[in-house]
Amino acid sequence: MKRVVSRVSAVGAIGLAMSLSLVSGGTLLARQTAPAQQPAAAPQDNLLLPNVPHLIIWAVKPAKTSDFEALWAGIDAQLAKSERAEVKEFAGTFTHKYKLNVPPSADQPVIYVFQIDKPSQTQSYNPGKIIYEFLWKQDPKDGKEMPGSIPRTEADELFKKIGSMPDMFAQISPWPLVKMGS
């Protein structure tokens, strides 16, 4: 079954919802730094409900938009060139990535919207976790990089684009969606 979505309606709804969200002051930010090594049993922080489409709304501080775009361009490039089946599957969960098309303002965050129709239940959408627990993998037994993993130096270069998440993001909001009607 094909779904048809009006871009004007979607952008209007996202804008209204984002305004309400920003006014409410809710946030999902946590200070994050590059891990020294991957934990042996890293807990998953799957913010997305299983089998439910989501929008992930990234409110990025105006001075950090080029870093945010470079970060995701780097993540996308690493996802695209990977030969690992689980990486290809995860890359396919990103249905669309949008930037809200409104004039920039020095005091308002820039809004990015990622559409995820079939969320991963094995991988977080947190960019730090994508980099250090998925793209770069370390064998917990011997500490060596796992086959098919990106080199640690490349992971560190990608992570440098984030700096610290509170410095980049005003807010990150995952929105689960339900279909209206039949």
Protein backbone atom coordinates (compact mmCIF):
# COMPACT_ATOMS: atom_id res chain seq x y z
CA MET A 1 0.00 0.00 0.00
CA LYS A 2 1.39 3.40 -0.94
CA ARG A 3 1.12 6.32 1.42
CA VAL A 4 0.76 9.79 0.06
CA VAL A 5 1.74 12.64 2.33
CA SER A 6 1.26 16.29 1.53
CA ARG A 7 4.59 18.02 2.11
CA VAL A 8 2.85 21.30 2.95
CA SER A 9 0.65 19.61 5.54
CA ALA A 10 3.55 17.64 6.96
CA VAL A 11 5.78 20.71 7.26
CA GLY A 12 2.92 22.68 8.85
CA ALA A 13 2.22 19.92 11.34
CA ILE A 14 5.89 19.52 12.15
CA GLY A 15 6.29 23.27 12.61
CA LEU A 16 3.29 23.49 14.93
CA ALA A 17 4.33 20.43 16.93
CA MET A 18 7.93 21.62 17.16
CA SER A 19 6.77 25.02 18.41
CA LEU A 20 4.66 23.34 21.07
CA SER A 21 7.53 21.05 21.98
CA LEU A 22 10.03 23.89 22.29
CA VAL A 23 7.60 25.89 24.42
CA SER A 24 7.12 22.89 26.73
CA GLY A 25 10.87 22.80 27.32
CA GLY A 26 11.18 19.00 27.16
CA THR A 27 14.55 17.61 26.20
CA LEU A 28 16.25 14.28 25.71
CA LEU A 29 19.80 15.57 25.86
CA ALA A 30 22.56 13.90 27.80
CA ARG A 31 26.23 14.88 28.03
CA GLN A 32 28.19 12.55 25.87
CA THR A 33 31.88 12.07 25.30
CA ALA A 34 33.81 9.62 23.18
CA PRO A 35 34.00 6.33 25.06
CA ALA A 36 37.45 4.98 25.89
CA GLN A 37 36.30 1.55 24.75
CA GLN A 38 33.04 -0.13 23.95
CA PRO A 39 31.32 -1.66 26.99
CA ALA A 40 31.07 -5.45 26.85
CA ALA A 41 27.27 -5.39 27.13
CA ALA A 42 26.11 -1.92 26.15
CA PRO A 43 22.45 -1.34 27.03
CA GLN A 44 20.26 -0.29 24.12
CA ASP A 45 18.50 3.04 24.45
CA ASN A 46 15.96 2.39 21.72
CA LEU A 47 13.84 5.49 21.96
CA LEU A 48 11.64 4.29 19.13
CA LEU A 49 8.71 1.95 19.59
CA PRO A 50 8.77 -1.29 17.62
CA ASN A 51 6.80 -1.44 14.37
CA VAL A 52 5.69 2.19 14.67
CA PRO A 53 6.84 4.91 12.26
CA HIS A 54 8.57 7.87 13.91
CA LEU A 55 9.82 11.33 13.22
CA ILE A 56 13.02 12.29 15.00
CA ILE A 57 13.12 16.05 15.42
CA TRP A 58 16.58 17.54 15.88
CA ALA A 59 16.60 21.17 17.06
CA VAL A 60 20.18 22.19 16.28
CA LYS A 61 21.78 25.36 17.58
CA PRO A 62 22.31 27.77 14.64
CA ALA A 63 26.11 27.87 15.02
CA LYS A 64 26.26 24.05 14.83
CA THR A 65 24.22 23.34 11.67
CA SER A 66 27.26 22.79 9.44
CA ASP A 67 28.71 20.39 12.06
CA PHE A 68 25.37 18.53 12.27
CA GLU A 69 25.12 18.21 8.50
CA ALA A 70 28.77 17.10 8.24
CA LEU A 71 28.20 14.55 11.02
CA TRP A 72 25.25 12.94 9.24
CA ALA A 73 26.97 13.11 5.85
CA GLY A 74 29.88 11.20 7.44
CA ILE A 75 27.58 8.68 9.15
CA ASP A 76 25.64 8.19 5.90
CA ALA A 77 28.88 7.67 3.95
CA GLN A 78 30.07 5.04 6.46
CA LEU A 79 26.68 3.30 6.42
CA ALA A 80 26.66 3.26 2.61
CA LYS A 81 30.13 1.77 2.20
CA SER A 82 29.77 -0.93 4.84
CA GLU A 83 29.50 -4.53 3.68
CA ARG A 84 27.94 -5.72 6.96
CA ALA A 85 24.31 -6.84 6.53
CA GLU A 86 23.17 -5.31 9.85
CA VAL A 87 24.63 -1.93 8.84
CA LYS A 88 22.86 -2.01 5.46
CA GLU A 89 19.61 -2.94 7.19
CA PHE A 90 19.96 -0.08 9.69
CA ALA A 91 20.82 2.41 6.91
CA GLY A 92 17.57 1.43 5.20
CA THR A 93 15.51 2.52 8.20
CA PHE A 94 16.11 6.19 7.37
CA THR A 95 13.19 6.90 5.02
CA HIS A 96 13.82 10.63 4.56
CA LYS A 97 15.87 13.42 6.12
CA TYR A 98 14.56 16.97 5.96
CA LYS A 99 15.61 20.43 7.06
CA LEU A 100 12.77 22.80 7.87
CA ASN A 101 12.75 25.43 5.11
CA VAL A 102 12.41 28.64 7.08
CA PRO A 103 14.72 31.66 7.21
CA PRO A 104 17.46 31.17 9.82
CA SER A 105 17.37 33.13 13.05
CA ALA A 106 20.33 33.73 15.35
CA ASP A 107 18.31 32.84 18.46
CA GLN A 108 16.15 29.95 17.18
CA PRO A 109 17.33 26.40 16.54
CA VAL A 110 17.39 24.97 13.03
CA ILE A 111 14.96 22.07 12.74
CA TYR A 112 15.87 18.77 11.07
CA VAL A 113 13.33 15.96 10.69
CA PHE A 114 14.30 12.34 10.10
CA GLN A 115 11.50 10.04 9.00
CA ILE A 116 11.91 6.46 10.22
CA ASP A 117 9.15 4.17 8.92
CA LYS A 118 10.49 0.87 10.29
CA PRO A 119 12.67 1.61 13.32
CA SER A 120 15.58 -0.63 14.22
CA GLN A 121 15.08 -2.58 17.41
CA THR A 122 18.73 -3.53 17.67
CA GLN A 123 20.45 -0.17 17.12
CA SER A 124 20.06 3.24 18.74
CA TYR A 125 19.59 6.39 16.64
CA ASN A 126 21.89 8.29 19.00
CA PRO A 127 24.75 9.45 16.72
CA GLY A 128 27.42 8.65 19.33
CA LYS A 129 26.12 5.10 19.67
CA ILE A 130 25.90 4.72 15.89
CA ILE A 131 29.56 5.70 15.65
CA TYR A 132 31.03 3.82 18.64
CA GLU A 133 28.73 0.82 19.07
CA PHE A 134 27.80 0.09 15.49
CA LEU A 135 30.18 1.47 12.86
CA TRP A 136 33.29 0.98 15.00
CA LYS A 137 33.16 -2.29 16.89
CA GLN A 138 35.67 -3.75 19.26
CA ASP A 139 35.90 -7.40 20.21
CA PRO A 140 35.17 -7.49 23.97
CA LYS A 141 37.49 -10.49 24.38
CA ASP A 142 40.70 -9.12 22.90
CA GLY A 143 39.97 -5.40 22.33
CA LYS A 144 40.75 -5.60 18.61
CA GLU A 145 38.60 -3.94 15.96
CA MET A 146 36.06 -6.37 14.59
CA PRO A 147 36.06 -7.26 10.87
CA GLY A 148 33.96 -4.83 8.83
CA SER A 149 34.34 -2.13 11.47
CA ILE A 150 35.56 1.35 10.60
CA PRO A 151 38.95 2.27 12.08
CA ARG A 152 38.85 3.95 15.50
CA THR A 153 40.54 7.05 14.03
CA GLU A 154 37.63 7.47 11.56
CA ALA A 155 35.11 7.00 14.39
CA ASP A 156 36.90 9.67 16.44
CA GLU A 157 36.91 12.09 13.47
CA LEU A 158 33.16 11.63 13.03
CA PHE A 159 32.51 12.10 16.74
CA LYS A 160 34.53 15.35 16.82
CA LYS A 161 31.77 16.92 14.71
CA ILE A 162 29.38 16.51 17.64
CA GLY A 163 31.65 18.08 20.26
CA SER A 164 29.21 17.62 23.08
CA MET A 165 25.55 16.99 22.45
CA PRO A 166 24.28 19.85 24.68
CA ASP A 167 26.51 22.26 22.73
CA MET A 168 24.98 21.13 19.43
CA PHE A 169 21.35 20.44 20.24
CA ALA A 170 18.62 22.56 21.72
CA GLN A 171 16.38 19.49 21.75
CA ILE A 172 15.99 15.99 20.33
CA SER A 173 12.47 14.56 20.18
CA PRO A 174 11.35 11.18 18.85
CA TRP A 175 7.68 11.26 17.86
CA PRO A 176 5.90 7.95 17.38
CA LEU A 177 3.16 8.13 14.75
CA VAL A 178 -0.15 6.28 14.41
CA LYS A 179 -2.15 6.01 11.24
CA MET A 180 -5.44 7.87 11.23
CA GLY A 181 -8.55 6.13 9.97
CA SER A 182 -8.43 2.95 7.97
